[in-house]
């Protein structure tokens, strides 16, 4: 390694160390990490309740479903992904028995995506897992205060978004 390459590597290593040190201290990092761990633990509980094939990548799609169904293209728009990517996720969930495509009563050419009985079962298992995790956290850190402060933070961020 040349002297120049050594200096560039040292400079890069110093920059990486500075970024990592600062990133650990940001509220965004803390919230992102807490969210990831919260969802990982809830997902593990759902899988343990008899839905082992449920994947984290499916959760983004599931939160945009409606009880009577929704078109794949609408799911894509809501998720900020292409219609094709949404269709692939729907196909994955359909193969696993969580979703089904049914004719759209308002347009015979279109299909609606909706939950199957197994899908609703997994959804209920997910809600139960979240409630269980919340109970555990309440006992450990006082979730009432945490929930109140979380809502306050969310409302402040929403107001900032509305002003932007």
C-alpha atoms as a PDB file:
ATOM      1  CA  UNK A   1       0.000   0.000   0.000  1.00  0.00           C
ATOM      2  CA  UNK A   2       1.359   3.420  -0.937  1.00  0.00           C
ATOM      3  CA  UNK A   3       1.632   6.329   1.449  1.00  0.00           C
ATOM      4  CA  UNK A   4      -1.288   8.041  -0.327  1.00  0.00           C
ATOM      5  CA  UNK A   5      -3.452   4.932  -0.074  1.00  0.00           C
ATOM      6  CA  UNK A   6      -2.562   4.579   3.617  1.00  0.00           C
ATOM      7  CA  UNK A   7      -3.541   8.205   4.254  1.00  0.00           C
ATOM      8  CA  UNK A   8      -6.826   7.751   2.368  1.00  0.00           C
ATOM      9  CA  UNK A   9      -7.625   4.641   4.370  1.00  0.00           C
ATOM     10  CA  UNK A  10      -6.830   6.440   7.639  1.00  0.00           C
ATOM     11  CA  UNK A  11      -8.987   9.410   6.596  1.00  0.00           C
ATOM     12  CA  UNK A  12     -11.836   7.094   5.666  1.00  0.00           C
ATOM     13  CA  UNK A  13     -11.517   5.143   8.915  1.00  0.00           C
ATOM     14  CA  UNK A  14     -11.608   8.418  10.878  1.00  0.00           C
ATOM     15  CA  UNK A  15     -14.738   9.536   9.007  1.00  0.00           C
ATOM     16  CA  UNK A  16     -16.444   6.197   9.576  1.00  0.00           C
ATOM     17  CA  UNK A  17     -15.632   6.400  13.298  1.00  0.00           C
ATOM     18  CA  UNK A  18     -17.037   9.966  13.503  1.00  0.00           C
ATOM     19  CA  UNK A  19     -20.254   8.963  11.690  1.00  0.00           C
ATOM     20  CA  UNK A  20     -20.747   5.905  13.885  1.00  0.00           C
ATOM     21  CA  UNK A  21     -20.139   7.890  17.079  1.00  0.00           C
ATOM     22  CA  UNK A  22     -22.664  10.556  16.118  1.00  0.00           C
ATOM     23  CA  UNK A  23     -25.261   8.168  14.703  1.00  0.00           C
ATOM     24  CA  UNK A  24     -25.455   6.297  18.013  1.00  0.00           C
ATOM     25  CA  UNK A  25     -26.434   9.521  19.786  1.00  0.00           C
ATOM     26  CA  UNK A  26     -29.276  10.655  17.524  1.00  0.00           C
ATOM     27  CA  UNK A  27     -32.919  10.277  18.459  1.00  0.00           C
ATOM     28  CA  UNK A  28     -33.578   8.927  14.982  1.00  0.00           C
ATOM     29  CA  UNK A  29     -31.097   6.104  15.540  1.00  0.00           C
ATOM     30  CA  UNK A  30     -32.627   5.241  18.917  1.00  0.00           C
ATOM     31  CA  UNK A  31     -36.169   5.235  17.513  1.00  0.00           C
ATOM     32  CA  UNK A  32     -35.176   3.211  14.451  1.00  0.00           C
ATOM     33  CA  UNK A  33     -33.362   0.634  16.538  1.00  0.00           C
ATOM     34  CA  UNK A  34     -36.204   0.424  19.070  1.00  0.00           C
ATOM     35  CA  UNK A  35     -38.726  -0.013  16.252  1.00  0.00           C
ATOM     36  CA  UNK A  36     -36.648  -2.752  14.634  1.00  0.00           C
ATOM     37  CA  UNK A  37     -36.239  -4.660  17.903  1.00  0.00           C
ATOM     38  CA  UNK A  38     -39.936  -4.214  18.779  1.00  0.00           C
ATOM     39  CA  UNK A  39     -41.003  -5.622  15.411  1.00  0.00           C
ATOM     40  CA  UNK A  40     -38.456  -8.461  15.521  1.00  0.00           C
ATOM     41  CA  UNK A  41     -39.747  -9.590  18.922  1.00  0.00           C
ATOM     42  CA  UNK A  42     -43.393  -9.319  17.858  1.00  0.00           C
ATOM     43  CA  UNK A  43     -42.650 -11.214  14.629  1.00  0.00           C
ATOM     44  CA  UNK A  44     -40.919 -13.990  16.582  1.00  0.00           C
ATOM     45  CA  UNK A  45     -44.020 -14.285  18.785  1.00  0.00           C
ATOM     46  CA  UNK A  46     -46.282 -14.539  15.706  1.00  0.00           C
ATOM     47  CA  UNK A  47     -44.057 -17.213  14.207  1.00  0.00           C
ATOM     48  CA  UNK A  48     -44.132 -19.132  17.492  1.00  0.00           C
ATOM     49  CA  UNK A  49     -47.958 -19.038  17.468  1.00  0.00           C
ATOM     50  CA  UNK A  50     -48.134 -21.181  14.340  1.00  0.00           C
ATOM     51  CA  UNK A  51     -47.269 -18.802  11.525  1.00  0.00           C
ATOM     52  CA  UNK A  52     -43.579 -19.601  10.952  1.00  0.00           C
ATOM     53  CA  UNK A  53     -43.508 -18.408   7.342  1.00  0.00           C
ATOM     54  CA  UNK A  54     -44.534 -14.810   8.169  1.00  0.00           C
ATOM     55  CA  UNK A  55     -41.738 -12.455   7.118  1.00  0.00           C
ATOM     56  CA  UNK A  56     -40.978  -8.893   8.101  1.00  0.00           C
ATOM     57  CA  UNK A  57     -41.071  -7.855   4.441  1.00  0.00           C
ATOM     58  CA  UNK A  58     -44.778  -8.752   4.386  1.00  0.00           C
ATOM     59  CA  UNK A  59     -45.710  -6.365   7.196  1.00  0.00           C
ATOM     60  CA  UNK A  60     -45.501  -3.254   5.054  1.00  0.00           C
ATOM     61  CA  UNK A  61     -48.079  -4.678   2.677  1.00  0.00           C
ATOM     62  CA  UNK A  62     -50.401  -6.038   5.332  1.00  0.00           C
ATOM     63  CA  UNK A  63     -50.879  -2.680   7.029  1.00  0.00           C
ATOM     64  CA  UNK A  64     -52.314  -1.289   3.779  1.00  0.00           C
ATOM     65  CA  UNK A  65     -54.950  -3.957   3.243  1.00  0.00           C
ATOM     66  CA  UNK A  66     -58.641  -3.274   3.744  1.00  0.00           C
ATOM     67  CA  UNK A  67     -61.113  -5.850   5.099  1.00  0.00           C
ATOM     68  CA  UNK A  68     -63.060  -6.029   1.819  1.00  0.00           C
ATOM     69  CA  UNK A  69     -59.934  -6.015  -0.326  1.00  0.00           C
ATOM     70  CA  UNK A  70     -57.856  -3.579  -2.323  1.00  0.00           C
ATOM     71  CA  UNK A  71     -56.260  -3.655  -5.774  1.00  0.00           C
ATOM     72  CA  UNK A  72     -52.562  -4.523  -6.082  1.00  0.00           C
ATOM     73  CA  UNK A  73     -51.908  -1.229  -7.847  1.00  0.00           C
ATOM     74  CA  UNK A  74     -53.348   0.670  -4.872  1.00  0.00           C
ATOM     75  CA  UNK A  75     -51.156  -1.358  -2.508  1.00  0.00           C
ATOM     76  CA  UNK A  76     -48.136  -0.385  -4.589  1.00  0.00           C
ATOM     77  CA  UNK A  77     -49.063   3.290  -4.441  1.00  0.00           C
ATOM     78  CA  UNK A  78     -49.632   3.189  -0.689  1.00  0.00           C
ATOM     79  CA  UNK A  79     -46.337   1.409  -0.127  1.00  0.00           C
ATOM     80  CA  UNK A  80     -44.384   3.598  -2.518  1.00  0.00           C
ATOM     81  CA  UNK A  81     -43.350   0.643  -4.686  1.00  0.00           C
ATOM     82  CA  UNK A  82     -44.135  -0.418  -8.229  1.00  0.00           C
ATOM     83  CA  UNK A  83     -47.269  -2.323  -9.126  1.00  0.00           C
ATOM     84  CA  UNK A  84     -45.021  -5.249 -10.115  1.00  0.00           C
ATOM     85  CA  UNK A  85     -43.235  -5.289  -6.747  1.00  0.00           C
ATOM     86  CA  UNK A  86     -46.582  -5.181  -4.929  1.00  0.00           C
ATOM     87  CA  UNK A  87     -47.831  -7.998  -7.154  1.00  0.00           C
ATOM     88  CA  UNK A  88     -44.798 -10.105  -6.236  1.00  0.00           C
ATOM     89  CA  UNK A  89     -45.413  -9.593  -2.513  1.00  0.00           C
ATOM     90  CA  UNK A  90     -49.090 -10.445  -2.984  1.00  0.00           C
ATOM     91  CA  UNK A  91     -48.106 -13.608  -4.882  1.00  0.00           C
ATOM     92  CA  UNK A  92     -45.763 -14.624  -2.037  1.00  0.00           C
ATOM     93  CA  UNK A  93     -48.501 -14.154   0.540  1.00  0.00           C
ATOM     94  CA  UNK A  94     -51.039 -15.883  -1.683  1.00  0.00           C
ATOM     95  CA  UNK A  95     -48.780 -18.941  -2.085  1.00  0.00           C
ATOM     96  CA  UNK A  96     -48.434 -19.072   1.701  1.00  0.00           C
ATOM     97  CA  UNK A  97     -52.201 -18.948   2.162  1.00  0.00           C
ATOM     98  CA  UNK A  98     -52.492 -15.503   3.771  1.00  0.00           C
ATOM     99  CA  UNK A  99     -54.033 -13.577   0.872  1.00  0.00           C
ATOM    100  CA  UNK A 100     -56.339 -14.310  -2.008  1.00  0.00           C
ATOM    101  CA  UNK A 101     -57.281 -12.502  -5.190  1.00  0.00           C
ATOM    102  CA  UNK A 102     -61.015 -12.182  -5.831  1.00  0.00           C
ATOM    103  CA  UNK A 103     -62.987 -10.434  -8.594  1.00  0.00           C
ATOM    104  CA  UNK A 104     -63.615  -6.726  -8.009  1.00  0.00           C
ATOM    105  CA  UNK A 105     -67.411  -6.312  -7.950  1.00  0.00           C
ATOM    106  CA  UNK A 106     -67.079  -2.780  -9.356  1.00  0.00           C
ATOM    107  CA  UNK A 107     -64.910  -3.890 -12.318  1.00  0.00           C
ATOM    108  CA  UNK A 108     -65.077  -7.474 -13.564  1.00  0.00           C
ATOM    109  CA  UNK A 109     -61.638  -7.195 -15.188  1.00  0.00           C
ATOM    110  CA  UNK A 110     -59.888  -6.217 -11.946  1.00  0.00           C
ATOM    111  CA  UNK A 111     -58.992  -8.276  -8.885  1.00  0.00           C
ATOM    112  CA  UNK A 112     -59.055  -7.337  -5.238  1.00  0.00           C
ATOM    113  CA  UNK A 113     -56.492  -8.620  -2.765  1.00  0.00           C
ATOM    114  CA  UNK A 114     -57.872  -9.618   0.611  1.00  0.00           C
ATOM    115  CA  UNK A 115     -56.952 -11.681   3.631  1.00  0.00           C
ATOM    116  CA  UNK A 116     -57.845 -15.326   3.911  1.00  0.00           C
ATOM    117  CA  UNK A 117     -58.965 -16.922   7.150  1.00  0.00           C
ATOM    118  CA  UNK A 118     -55.311 -17.833   7.783  1.00  0.00           C
ATOM    119  CA  UNK A 119     -54.333 -14.243   7.088  1.00  0.00           C
ATOM    120  CA  UNK A 120     -56.823 -12.940   9.640  1.00  0.00           C
ATOM    121  CA  UNK A 121     -55.522 -15.520  12.121  1.00  0.00           C
ATOM    122  CA  UNK A 122     -51.974 -14.270  11.644  1.00  0.00           C
ATOM    123  CA  UNK A 123     -53.173 -10.673  11.960  1.00  0.00           C
ATOM    124  CA  UNK A 124     -54.864 -11.493  15.279  1.00  0.00           C
ATOM    125  CA  UNK A 125     -51.727 -13.323  16.425  1.00  0.00           C
ATOM    126  CA  UNK A 126     -49.736 -10.207  15.546  1.00  0.00           C
ATOM    127  CA  UNK A 127     -52.036  -7.948  17.533  1.00  0.00           C
ATOM    128  CA  UNK A 128     -51.837 -10.325  20.504  1.00  0.00           C
ATOM    129  CA  UNK A 129     -48.051 -10.390  20.198  1.00  0.00           C
ATOM    130  CA  UNK A 130     -47.919  -6.585  20.193  1.00  0.00           C
ATOM    131  CA  UNK A 131     -50.198  -6.411  23.233  1.00  0.00           C
ATOM    132  CA  UNK A 132     -48.050  -8.967  25.059  1.00  0.00           C
ATOM    133  CA  UNK A 133     -44.894  -7.062  24.245  1.00  0.00           C
ATOM    134  CA  UNK A 134     -46.526  -3.839  25.425  1.00  0.00           C
ATOM    135  CA  UNK A 135     -47.493  -5.506  28.725  1.00  0.00           C
ATOM    136  CA  UNK A 136     -43.915  -6.702  29.200  1.00  0.00           C
ATOM    137  CA  UNK A 137     -42.548  -3.246  28.444  1.00  0.00           C
ATOM    138  CA  UNK A 138     -45.071  -1.597  30.743  1.00  0.00           C
ATOM    139  CA  UNK A 139     -43.855  -3.758  33.605  1.00  0.00           C
ATOM    140  CA  UNK A 140     -40.237  -2.953  32.734  1.00  0.00           C
ATOM    141  CA  UNK A 141     -40.281   0.749  31.797  1.00  0.00           C
ATOM    142  CA  UNK A 142     -43.725   2.171  32.463  1.00  0.00           C
ATOM    143  CA  UNK A 143     -45.383   2.028  29.069  1.00  0.00           C
ATOM    144  CA  UNK A 144     -48.079   4.575  29.976  1.00  0.00           C
ATOM    145  CA  UNK A 145     -45.467   7.326  30.138  1.00  0.00           C
ATOM    146  CA  UNK A 146     -43.682   5.947  27.109  1.00  0.00           C
ATOM    147  CA  UNK A 147     -46.901   5.813  25.080  1.00  0.00           C
ATOM    148  CA  UNK A 148     -47.847   9.366  26.112  1.00  0.00           C
ATOM    149  CA  UNK A 149     -44.410  10.695  25.202  1.00  0.00           C
ATOM    150  CA  UNK A 150     -44.459   8.727  21.949  1.00  0.00           C
ATOM    151  CA  UNK A 151     -47.793  10.272  20.948  1.00  0.00           C
ATOM    152  CA  UNK A 152     -46.474  13.722  21.839  1.00  0.00           C
ATOM    153  CA  UNK A 153     -43.441  13.143  19.626  1.00  0.00           C
ATOM    154  CA  UNK A 154     -45.577  11.794  16.779  1.00  0.00           C
ATOM    155  CA  UNK A 155     -47.927  14.775  16.929  1.00  0.00           C
ATOM    156  CA  UNK A 156     -45.005  17.216  16.873  1.00  0.00           C
ATOM    157  CA  UNK A 157     -43.502  15.471  13.841  1.00  0.00           C
ATOM    158  CA  UNK A 158     -46.876  15.421  12.080  1.00  0.00           C
ATOM    159  CA  UNK A 159     -47.281  19.172  12.667  1.00  0.00           C
ATOM    160  CA  UNK A 160     -43.823  19.745  11.174  1.00  0.00           C
ATOM    161  CA  UNK A 161     -44.809  17.666   8.141  1.00  0.00           C
ATOM    162  CA  UNK A 162     -48.000  19.671   7.657  1.00  0.00           C
ATOM    163  CA  UNK A 163     -46.022  22.935   7.699  1.00  0.00           C
ATOM    164  CA  UNK A 164     -43.490  21.669   5.158  1.00  0.00           C
END
